[in-house]
């Protein structure tokens, strides 16, 4: 039996490899066995970090792949694109690549996303509320955009250790 592949390292903004977080990821085009293995490794890395979403650039891979696990639903999306957005909601976000920092980010309340799944089949996801927010956050990673760039009110961007206890207790899940 072959050894399990090593867990992928989450790249943070202070890492020597952080440049990958600022670059637009390349399309995948064909869902190969290697992409399926990447998806599995990304789920493992996300679980180990206690996240709810992860984009390939966050593990140093400049490809358009995201994984999400939210409310007992798992999504592995290849070359995702937002087809429609509706409404707006401002809510706190955090990120595995920017540990300890939280800020209020405006996002569309509803989105329609089209992508391919791990089998290469096209899927369409109609999402609202938190799932819509997670999808937008992870797709932003594929475009080299980090959540602080979306914050309108800079006063809401703070380190969790600096937050009042009630804010720290409500820290959003990291994606």
Protein backbone atom coordinates (compact mmCIF):
# COMPACT_ATOMS: atom_id res chain seq x y z
CA UNK A 1 0.00 0.00 0.00
CA UNK A 2 1.36 3.43 -0.97
CA UNK A 3 1.97 6.07 1.65
CA UNK A 4 -0.64 8.82 1.88
CA UNK A 5 0.49 12.06 0.25
CA UNK A 6 1.64 14.72 2.71
CA UNK A 7 -0.87 17.28 3.92
CA UNK A 8 -0.70 20.47 1.91
CA UNK A 9 0.62 23.57 3.68
CA UNK A 10 -1.68 26.60 3.88
CA UNK A 11 0.17 29.60 2.43
CA UNK A 12 -0.20 32.74 4.54
CA UNK A 13 0.37 36.36 3.52
CA UNK A 14 3.62 36.46 5.49
CA UNK A 15 5.00 33.32 3.82
CA UNK A 16 7.91 33.47 1.33
CA UNK A 17 5.47 31.78 -1.08
CA UNK A 18 2.71 34.41 -0.60
CA UNK A 19 3.00 35.74 -4.19
CA UNK A 20 0.77 32.86 -5.35
CA UNK A 21 -2.07 34.42 -3.34
CA UNK A 22 -1.93 37.58 -5.49
CA UNK A 23 -1.86 35.92 -8.92
CA UNK A 24 -4.81 34.92 -11.05
CA UNK A 25 -5.00 31.11 -11.06
CA UNK A 26 -4.85 29.24 -14.36
CA UNK A 27 -7.84 27.26 -15.71
CA UNK A 28 -7.74 23.51 -15.20
CA UNK A 29 -9.50 22.54 -18.45
CA UNK A 30 -9.38 18.72 -17.88
CA UNK A 31 -10.24 17.08 -14.56
CA UNK A 32 -7.49 14.46 -14.31
CA UNK A 33 -6.56 11.99 -11.60
CA UNK A 34 -4.00 14.56 -10.38
CA UNK A 35 -6.74 17.19 -9.99
CA UNK A 36 -8.90 14.68 -8.12
CA UNK A 37 -5.96 13.96 -5.78
CA UNK A 38 -5.46 17.71 -5.32
CA UNK A 39 -9.13 18.03 -4.35
CA UNK A 40 -8.76 15.25 -1.75
CA UNK A 41 -5.60 16.84 -0.35
CA UNK A 42 -7.30 20.25 -0.21
CA UNK A 43 -10.21 18.82 1.80
CA UNK A 44 -7.68 17.25 4.19
CA UNK A 45 -5.75 20.54 4.57
CA UNK A 46 -9.00 22.49 5.07
CA UNK A 47 -10.18 20.08 7.78
CA UNK A 48 -6.81 20.15 9.53
CA UNK A 49 -6.98 23.97 9.59
CA UNK A 50 -10.64 23.96 10.74
CA UNK A 51 -11.74 25.90 7.66
CA UNK A 52 -14.94 25.82 5.64
CA UNK A 53 -13.44 26.69 2.25
CA UNK A 54 -10.09 26.56 0.51
CA UNK A 55 -8.77 27.61 -2.88
CA UNK A 56 -5.82 25.96 -4.64
CA UNK A 57 -3.67 29.13 -4.50
CA UNK A 58 -3.92 28.93 -0.69
CA UNK A 59 -1.92 25.69 -0.86
CA UNK A 60 0.55 27.06 -3.40
CA UNK A 61 -1.16 25.69 -6.52
CA UNK A 62 -2.04 28.31 -9.12
CA UNK A 63 -5.02 26.42 -10.56
CA UNK A 64 -8.75 27.27 -10.48
CA UNK A 65 -9.94 24.71 -7.92
CA UNK A 66 -11.90 25.31 -4.70
CA UNK A 67 -13.31 23.08 -2.00
CA UNK A 68 -16.05 23.95 0.47
CA UNK A 69 -17.68 22.07 3.30
CA UNK A 70 -20.59 23.84 4.92
CA UNK A 71 -23.70 22.53 6.69
CA UNK A 72 -22.87 18.89 5.88
CA UNK A 73 -22.56 19.69 2.18
CA UNK A 74 -19.25 19.24 0.32
CA UNK A 75 -18.41 21.03 -2.91
CA UNK A 76 -15.32 20.48 -5.05
CA UNK A 77 -15.41 22.97 -7.91
CA UNK A 78 -13.08 23.22 -10.89
CA UNK A 79 -12.95 26.41 -12.98
CA UNK A 80 -15.90 28.00 -11.10
CA UNK A 81 -17.48 31.16 -12.42
CA UNK A 82 -20.17 33.39 -11.00
CA UNK A 83 -22.99 33.68 -13.53
CA UNK A 84 -25.35 35.89 -11.50
CA UNK A 85 -25.30 37.93 -8.30
CA UNK A 86 -28.18 39.49 -6.42
CA UNK A 87 -28.53 41.73 -3.40
CA UNK A 88 -25.87 42.67 -0.90
CA UNK A 89 -25.01 41.77 2.66
CA UNK A 90 -22.14 42.99 4.82
CA UNK A 91 -20.80 40.42 7.27
CA UNK A 92 -17.53 39.47 8.99
CA UNK A 93 -15.04 37.27 7.17
CA UNK A 94 -11.75 35.65 8.04
CA UNK A 95 -9.25 33.67 6.00
CA UNK A 96 -6.87 30.77 6.59
CA UNK A 97 -4.22 32.72 4.65
CA UNK A 98 -4.57 35.78 6.92
CA UNK A 99 -4.66 34.14 10.36
CA UNK A 100 -6.20 36.09 13.21
CA UNK A 101 -7.67 38.92 11.14
CA UNK A 102 -11.39 39.65 10.66
CA UNK A 103 -13.27 42.34 8.75
CA UNK A 104 -16.73 43.20 7.48
CA UNK A 105 -17.01 42.44 3.77
CA UNK A 106 -19.86 43.30 1.40
CA UNK A 107 -20.89 40.33 -0.75
CA UNK A 108 -23.81 39.45 -2.98
CA UNK A 109 -26.58 37.81 -0.96
CA UNK A 110 -27.33 35.29 -3.72
CA UNK A 111 -25.13 33.85 -6.46
CA UNK A 112 -25.38 31.32 -9.25
CA UNK A 113 -22.08 29.54 -9.85
CA UNK A 114 -21.22 27.17 -12.68
CA UNK A 115 -18.23 24.83 -12.45
CA UNK A 116 -17.15 21.27 -13.03
CA UNK A 117 -17.20 18.76 -10.21
CA UNK A 118 -14.49 16.22 -9.40
CA UNK A 119 -15.82 13.95 -12.16
CA UNK A 120 -15.55 16.72 -14.76
CA UNK A 121 -19.33 17.17 -15.06
CA UNK A 122 -20.79 20.67 -15.15
CA UNK A 123 -22.78 21.67 -12.10
CA UNK A 124 -24.73 24.81 -11.26
CA UNK A 125 -25.05 25.95 -7.66
CA UNK A 126 -27.74 28.40 -6.58
CA UNK A 127 -26.50 29.72 -3.26
CA UNK A 128 -27.59 32.31 -0.77
CA UNK A 129 -26.44 33.70 2.56
CA UNK A 130 -23.34 32.01 3.97
CA UNK A 131 -22.76 29.55 1.10
CA UNK A 132 -22.96 32.45 -1.39
CA UNK A 133 -20.41 34.33 0.74
CA UNK A 134 -18.03 31.35 0.90
CA UNK A 135 -18.23 30.81 -2.87
CA UNK A 136 -17.44 34.48 -3.55
CA UNK A 137 -14.56 34.46 -1.05
CA UNK A 138 -12.98 31.34 -2.59
CA UNK A 139 -13.48 32.50 -6.18
CA UNK A 140 -11.83 35.78 -5.21
CA UNK A 141 -8.77 33.72 -4.20
CA UNK A 142 -8.67 32.31 -7.74
CA UNK A 143 -8.49 35.88 -9.03
CA UNK A 144 -5.71 36.89 -6.62
CA UNK A 145 -8.06 38.94 -4.41
CA UNK A 146 -7.90 38.70 -0.61
CA UNK A 147 -10.86 39.67 1.57
CA UNK A 148 -9.30 42.86 3.07
CA UNK A 149 -9.36 44.36 -0.44
CA UNK A 150 -13.18 44.13 -0.37
CA UNK A 151 -13.62 45.86 3.00
CA UNK A 152 -15.29 49.27 2.73
CA UNK A 153 -15.09 50.33 6.39
CA UNK A 154 -11.44 49.83 7.38
CA UNK A 155 -12.42 50.31 11.04
CA UNK A 156 -13.99 46.83 10.96
CA UNK A 157 -10.67 45.18 10.04
CA UNK A 158 -8.97 44.02 13.20
CA UNK A 159 -6.91 41.28 14.75
CA UNK A 160 -9.07 38.94 16.78
CA UNK A 161 -6.87 39.46 19.86
CA UNK A 162 -7.70 43.18 19.60
CA UNK A 163 -11.45 42.61 19.39
CA UNK A 164 -13.90 42.97 22.27
CA UNK A 165 -14.66 39.55 23.77
CA UNK A 166 -18.17 39.37 22.27
CA UNK A 167 -16.74 39.95 18.77
CA UNK A 168 -13.98 37.39 19.30
CA UNK A 169 -16.59 34.88 20.49
CA UNK A 170 -18.47 35.39 17.22
CA UNK A 171 -15.41 35.04 14.98
CA UNK A 172 -16.58 33.71 11.61
CA UNK A 173 -15.41 30.36 10.34
CA UNK A 174 -12.28 30.72 8.22
CA UNK A 175 -12.25 30.02 4.53
